[in-house]
Amino acid sequence: MAYVIGLPCVDVKDRSCIEECPVDCIYEGRRALYIHPDECVDCGACEPVCPVDAIYFQDDLPEEWGADHAASNAAFFEGLGAPGGGSSLGPQDHDSPLVSALSKGVSVA
């Protein structure tokens, strides 16, 4: 299990979570941030600093976007593998298929 970044992060990318993560497992896509499911150590340091409440433990994701966003986070890393840290890799020029398909200015309400 790991923490997951959900819908409220799309087009926001505040990055407070990146600075708080002790293992550098949060990566930046074009429109959202993603937590690497194999690199996350489940410490939860990222969750309370997120200003848009987008980060949840995988089992606690809100039902309306839970399963889709858990899969979305994992899909972002297909082709990237486990690079061992988001800061050394830098921003990526792609998003998961789910995030890429969302309209710009998507509303979470």
N, C-alpha and C. Protein backbone atom coordinates (compact mmCIF):
# COMPACT_ATOMS: atom_id res chain seq x y z
N MET A 1 0.83 -1.19 0.00
CA MET A 1 0.00 0.00 0.00
C MET A 1 0.88 1.25 0.00
N ALA A 2 0.30 2.32 -0.47
CA ALA A 2 1.03 3.59 -0.53
C ALA A 2 0.04 4.73 -0.46
N TYR A 3 0.57 5.90 -0.33
CA TYR A 3 -0.27 7.10 -0.42
C TYR A 3 -0.48 7.41 -1.90
N VAL A 4 -1.58 8.09 -2.17
CA VAL A 4 -1.99 8.39 -3.54
C VAL A 4 -2.39 9.86 -3.61
N ILE A 5 -2.03 10.50 -4.72
CA ILE A 5 -2.45 11.88 -4.97
C ILE A 5 -3.62 11.83 -5.93
N GLY A 6 -4.73 12.46 -5.55
CA GLY A 6 -5.95 12.38 -6.32
C GLY A 6 -6.31 13.65 -7.08
N LEU A 7 -7.54 13.68 -7.51
CA LEU A 7 -8.08 14.70 -8.39
C LEU A 7 -7.80 16.15 -7.98
N PRO A 8 -7.87 16.54 -6.71
CA PRO A 8 -7.66 17.95 -6.38
C PRO A 8 -6.29 18.52 -6.76
N CYS A 9 -5.32 17.66 -7.02
CA CYS A 9 -3.98 18.13 -7.39
C CYS A 9 -3.88 18.55 -8.86
N VAL A 10 -4.77 18.03 -9.69
CA VAL A 10 -4.69 18.30 -11.12
C VAL A 10 -4.75 19.81 -11.38
N ASP A 11 -3.77 20.30 -12.11
CA ASP A 11 -3.60 21.71 -12.46
C ASP A 11 -3.29 22.62 -11.27
N VAL A 12 -2.94 22.03 -10.11
CA VAL A 12 -2.55 22.82 -8.93
C VAL A 12 -1.06 22.64 -8.66
N LYS A 13 -0.63 21.41 -8.45
CA LYS A 13 0.77 21.06 -8.20
C LYS A 13 1.46 22.02 -7.23
N ASP A 14 0.94 22.12 -6.02
CA ASP A 14 1.50 23.01 -4.99
C ASP A 14 2.95 22.67 -4.62
N ARG A 15 3.31 21.42 -4.59
CA ARG A 15 4.66 20.91 -4.31
C ARG A 15 5.07 20.92 -2.84
N SER A 16 4.20 21.32 -1.92
CA SER A 16 4.53 21.24 -0.49
C SER A 16 4.85 19.81 -0.10
N CYS A 17 4.14 18.87 -0.70
CA CYS A 17 4.36 17.46 -0.39
C CYS A 17 5.75 17.00 -0.81
N ILE A 18 6.24 17.52 -1.91
CA ILE A 18 7.57 17.14 -2.39
C ILE A 18 8.63 17.54 -1.38
N GLU A 19 8.51 18.73 -0.85
CA GLU A 19 9.48 19.22 0.13
C GLU A 19 9.42 18.46 1.43
N GLU A 20 8.26 17.90 1.76
CA GLU A 20 8.06 17.20 3.03
C GLU A 20 8.45 15.72 2.96
N CYS A 21 8.44 15.15 1.77
CA CYS A 21 8.68 13.71 1.61
C CYS A 21 10.13 13.34 1.95
N PRO A 22 10.34 12.47 2.96
CA PRO A 22 11.71 12.13 3.34
C PRO A 22 12.40 11.15 2.39
N VAL A 23 11.64 10.50 1.50
CA VAL A 23 12.25 9.52 0.59
C VAL A 23 12.19 9.93 -0.87
N ASP A 24 11.73 11.14 -1.14
CA ASP A 24 11.72 11.69 -2.50
C ASP A 24 10.95 10.80 -3.49
N CYS A 25 9.76 10.33 -3.06
CA CYS A 25 8.98 9.43 -3.91
C CYS A 25 7.85 10.13 -4.67
N ILE A 26 7.82 11.46 -4.63
CA ILE A 26 6.78 12.21 -5.33
C ILE A 26 7.37 12.82 -6.59
N TYR A 27 6.72 12.53 -7.70
CA TYR A 27 7.19 12.92 -9.02
C TYR A 27 6.23 13.91 -9.64
N GLU A 28 6.75 14.77 -10.50
CA GLU A 28 5.94 15.79 -11.14
C GLU A 28 5.66 15.44 -12.59
N GLY A 29 4.39 15.41 -12.91
CA GLY A 29 3.96 15.24 -14.29
C GLY A 29 3.62 16.60 -14.88
N ARG A 30 3.04 16.59 -16.05
CA ARG A 30 2.68 17.83 -16.73
C ARG A 30 1.59 18.61 -15.97
N ARG A 31 0.56 17.90 -15.46
CA ARG A 31 -0.58 18.56 -14.81
C ARG A 31 -0.80 18.15 -13.37
N ALA A 32 -0.09 17.15 -12.87
CA ALA A 32 -0.33 16.65 -11.52
C ALA A 32 0.95 16.07 -10.93
N LEU A 33 0.90 15.78 -9.64
CA LEU A 33 1.99 15.11 -8.94
C LEU A 33 1.57 13.67 -8.70
N TYR A 34 2.55 12.78 -8.57
CA TYR A 34 2.29 11.35 -8.42
C TYR A 34 3.23 10.76 -7.38
N ILE A 35 2.70 9.85 -6.57
CA ILE A 35 3.51 9.14 -5.58
C ILE A 35 3.85 7.76 -6.13
N HIS A 36 5.14 7.45 -6.16
CA HIS A 36 5.58 6.15 -6.66
C HIS A 36 5.15 5.08 -5.66
N PRO A 37 4.32 4.12 -6.08
CA PRO A 37 3.79 3.13 -5.13
C PRO A 37 4.83 2.20 -4.53
N ASP A 38 5.95 1.99 -5.19
CA ASP A 38 6.99 1.12 -4.65
C ASP A 38 8.03 1.87 -3.83
N GLU A 39 8.15 3.16 -4.04
CA GLU A 39 9.14 3.95 -3.31
C GLU A 39 8.57 4.58 -2.04
N CYS A 40 7.25 4.73 -1.97
CA CYS A 40 6.60 5.32 -0.80
C CYS A 40 6.76 4.39 0.40
N VAL A 41 7.15 4.95 1.54
CA VAL A 41 7.34 4.16 2.76
C VAL A 41 6.17 4.33 3.73
N ASP A 42 5.08 4.91 3.26
CA ASP A 42 3.86 5.06 4.05
C ASP A 42 4.05 5.88 5.33
N CYS A 43 4.92 6.87 5.30
CA CYS A 43 5.15 7.68 6.49
C CYS A 43 4.05 8.70 6.73
N GLY A 44 3.37 9.12 5.66
CA GLY A 44 2.27 10.07 5.79
C GLY A 44 2.69 11.52 5.93
N ALA A 45 3.96 11.83 5.79
CA ALA A 45 4.42 13.22 5.97
C ALA A 45 3.82 14.17 4.93
N CYS A 46 3.51 13.66 3.77
CA CYS A 46 2.97 14.48 2.69
C CYS A 46 1.52 14.89 2.91
N GLU A 47 0.76 14.03 3.53
CA GLU A 47 -0.70 14.23 3.65
C GLU A 47 -1.10 15.53 4.34
N PRO A 48 -0.57 15.86 5.52
CA PRO A 48 -1.06 17.07 6.19
C PRO A 48 -0.61 18.38 5.56
N VAL A 49 0.41 18.36 4.71
CA VAL A 49 0.88 19.63 4.13
C VAL A 49 0.20 19.96 2.81
N CYS A 50 -0.60 19.06 2.28
CA CYS A 50 -1.28 19.31 1.01
C CYS A 50 -2.40 20.33 1.22
N PRO A 51 -2.32 21.49 0.56
CA PRO A 51 -3.31 22.54 0.78
C PRO A 51 -4.67 22.27 0.13
N VAL A 52 -4.74 21.27 -0.75
CA VAL A 52 -6.01 20.98 -1.42
C VAL A 52 -6.56 19.59 -1.04
N ASP A 53 -6.02 18.99 0.00
CA ASP A 53 -6.49 17.68 0.48
C ASP A 53 -6.56 16.64 -0.63
N ALA A 54 -5.50 16.52 -1.38
CA ALA A 54 -5.46 15.58 -2.50
C ALA A 54 -4.77 14.27 -2.15
N ILE A 55 -4.11 14.19 -0.99
CA ILE A 55 -3.30 13.02 -0.66
C ILE A 55 -3.99 12.17 0.39
N TYR A 56 -4.13 10.88 0.06
CA TYR A 56 -4.78 9.93 0.94
C TYR A 56 -4.02 8.62 0.93
N PHE A 57 -4.13 7.90 2.06
CA PHE A 57 -3.65 6.53 2.07
C PHE A 57 -4.54 5.78 1.09
N GLN A 58 -3.98 4.88 0.32
CA GLN A 58 -4.70 4.22 -0.76
C GLN A 58 -6.05 3.66 -0.32
N ASP A 59 -6.14 3.05 0.85
CA ASP A 59 -7.40 2.47 1.32
C ASP A 59 -8.41 3.52 1.77
N ASP A 60 -7.98 4.76 1.92
CA ASP A 60 -8.86 5.82 2.42
C ASP A 60 -9.27 6.82 1.36
N LEU A 61 -8.96 6.55 0.10
CA LEU A 61 -9.33 7.47 -0.97
C LEU A 61 -10.84 7.65 -1.01
N PRO A 62 -11.33 8.88 -1.24
CA PRO A 62 -12.77 9.07 -1.38
C PRO A 62 -13.33 8.17 -2.48
N GLU A 63 -14.47 7.60 -2.23
CA GLU A 63 -15.06 6.61 -3.14
C GLU A 63 -15.21 7.13 -4.57
N GLU A 64 -15.56 8.41 -4.72
CA GLU A 64 -15.82 8.94 -6.06
C GLU A 64 -14.59 9.00 -6.96
N TRP A 65 -13.38 8.97 -6.41
CA TRP A 65 -12.20 8.93 -7.26
C TRP A 65 -11.12 7.99 -6.76
N GLY A 66 -11.46 7.13 -5.83
CA GLY A 66 -10.48 6.23 -5.23
C GLY A 66 -9.78 5.28 -6.15
N ALA A 67 -10.49 4.31 -6.68
CA ALA A 67 -9.84 3.26 -7.47
C ALA A 67 -9.19 3.82 -8.73
N ASP A 68 -9.85 4.77 -9.36
CA ASP A 68 -9.29 5.35 -10.58
C ASP A 68 -7.98 6.07 -10.32
N HIS A 69 -7.89 6.82 -9.23
CA HIS A 69 -6.67 7.58 -8.98
C HIS A 69 -5.55 6.72 -8.42
N ALA A 70 -5.87 5.66 -7.73
CA ALA A 70 -4.82 4.72 -7.30
C ALA A 70 -4.17 4.11 -8.54
N ALA A 71 -4.99 3.68 -9.49
CA ALA A 71 -4.46 3.12 -10.74
C ALA A 71 -3.74 4.20 -11.55
N SER A 72 -4.24 5.42 -11.51
CA SER A 72 -3.64 6.53 -12.24
C SER A 72 -2.22 6.80 -11.75
N ASN A 73 -2.03 6.80 -10.43
CA ASN A 73 -0.69 7.01 -9.88
C ASN A 73 0.26 5.94 -10.37
N ALA A 74 -0.17 4.70 -10.34
CA ALA A 74 0.69 3.59 -10.80
C ALA A 74 0.96 3.70 -12.29
N ALA A 75 -0.04 4.08 -13.06
CA ALA A 75 0.11 4.17 -14.53
C ALA A 75 1.13 5.23 -14.93
N PHE A 76 1.25 6.29 -14.14
CA PHE A 76 2.23 7.34 -14.45
C PHE A 76 3.65 6.76 -14.55
N PHE A 77 3.93 5.73 -13.76
CA PHE A 77 5.28 5.19 -13.69
C PHE A 77 5.56 4.08 -14.70
N GLU A 78 4.56 3.69 -15.49
CA GLU A 78 4.81 2.71 -16.54
C GLU A 78 5.79 3.34 -17.53
N GLY A 79 6.84 2.68 -17.79
CA GLY A 79 7.87 3.22 -18.68
C GLY A 79 8.97 3.96 -17.92
N LEU A 80 8.66 4.49 -16.74
CA LEU A 80 9.68 5.14 -15.92
C LEU A 80 10.37 4.16 -15.00
N GLY A 81 9.64 3.14 -14.58
CA GLY A 81 10.17 2.20 -13.62
C GLY A 81 10.28 2.83 -12.25
N ALA A 82 11.35 2.53 -11.56
CA ALA A 82 11.61 3.07 -10.23
C ALA A 82 12.91 3.85 -10.26
N PRO A 83 12.85 5.12 -10.69
CA PRO A 83 14.08 5.90 -10.86
C PRO A 83 14.80 6.25 -9.57
N GLY A 84 14.13 6.10 -8.42
CA GLY A 84 14.81 6.33 -7.15
C GLY A 84 14.79 7.76 -6.66
N GLY A 85 13.86 8.56 -7.13
CA GLY A 85 13.73 9.91 -6.60
C GLY A 85 13.24 10.91 -7.62
N GLY A 86 12.19 11.60 -7.26
CA GLY A 86 11.59 12.57 -8.16
C GLY A 86 12.44 13.80 -8.40
N SER A 87 13.18 14.24 -7.37
CA SER A 87 13.94 15.48 -7.54
C SER A 87 15.09 15.32 -8.53
N SER A 88 15.71 14.16 -8.54
CA SER A 88 16.82 13.95 -9.48
C SER A 88 16.31 13.76 -10.91
N LEU A 89 15.09 13.25 -11.05
CA LEU A 89 14.52 13.02 -12.38
C LEU A 89 13.96 14.31 -12.97
N GLY A 90 13.40 15.16 -12.12
CA GLY A 90 12.82 16.42 -12.58
C GLY A 90 11.43 16.23 -13.16
N PRO A 91 10.79 17.33 -13.56
CA PRO A 91 9.44 17.26 -14.12
C PRO A 91 9.41 16.41 -15.39
N GLN A 92 8.35 15.63 -15.51
CA GLN A 92 8.16 14.77 -16.68
C GLN A 92 7.18 15.42 -17.64
N ASP A 93 7.33 15.12 -18.89
CA ASP A 93 6.48 15.73 -19.93
C ASP A 93 5.28 14.83 -20.27
N HIS A 94 4.73 14.17 -19.25
CA HIS A 94 3.55 13.34 -19.46
C HIS A 94 2.75 13.26 -18.17
N ASP A 95 1.56 12.75 -18.27
CA ASP A 95 0.71 12.46 -17.12
C ASP A 95 0.15 11.06 -17.31
N SER A 96 -0.56 10.59 -16.32
CA SER A 96 -1.25 9.31 -16.47
C SER A 96 -2.36 9.50 -17.51
N PRO A 97 -2.81 8.42 -18.13
CA PRO A 97 -3.91 8.56 -19.09
C PRO A 97 -5.16 9.21 -18.48
N LEU A 98 -5.46 8.92 -17.23
CA LEU A 98 -6.63 9.50 -16.58
C LEU A 98 -6.51 11.02 -16.50
N VAL A 99 -5.38 11.51 -16.03
CA VAL A 99 -5.17 12.95 -15.88
C VAL A 99 -5.09 13.62 -17.25
N SER A 100 -4.43 12.99 -18.19
CA SER A 100 -4.34 13.56 -19.54
C SER A 100 -5.71 13.74 -20.17
N ALA A 101 -6.63 12.86 -19.86
CA ALA A 101 -7.97 12.91 -20.46
C ALA A 101 -8.88 13.95 -19.82
N LEU A 102 -8.51 14.46 -18.65
CA LEU A 102 -9.36 15.44 -17.97
C LEU A 102 -9.32 16.78 -18.69
N SER A 103 -10.43 17.47 -18.69
CA SER A 103 -10.49 18.81 -19.27
C SER A 103 -9.68 19.77 -18.41
N LYS A 104 -9.11 20.77 -19.02
CA LYS A 104 -8.40 21.81 -18.26
C LYS A 104 -9.40 22.49 -17.34
N GLY A 105 -8.94 22.88 -16.14
CA GLY A 105 -9.80 23.58 -15.20
C GLY A 105 -10.84 22.65 -14.57
N VAL A 106 -10.50 21.36 -14.47
CA VAL A 106 -11.43 20.38 -13.90
C VAL A 106 -11.83 20.78 -12.48
N SER A 107 -13.07 20.60 -12.14
CA SER A 107 -13.58 20.95 -10.81
C SER A 107 -13.77 19.70 -9.99
N VAL A 108 -13.43 19.78 -8.70
CA VAL A 108 -13.59 18.65 -7.82
C VAL A 108 -14.91 18.71 -7.07
N ALA A 109 -15.68 19.75 -7.27
CA ALA A 109 -16.96 19.89 -6.55
C ALA A 109 -18.04 19.10 -7.23
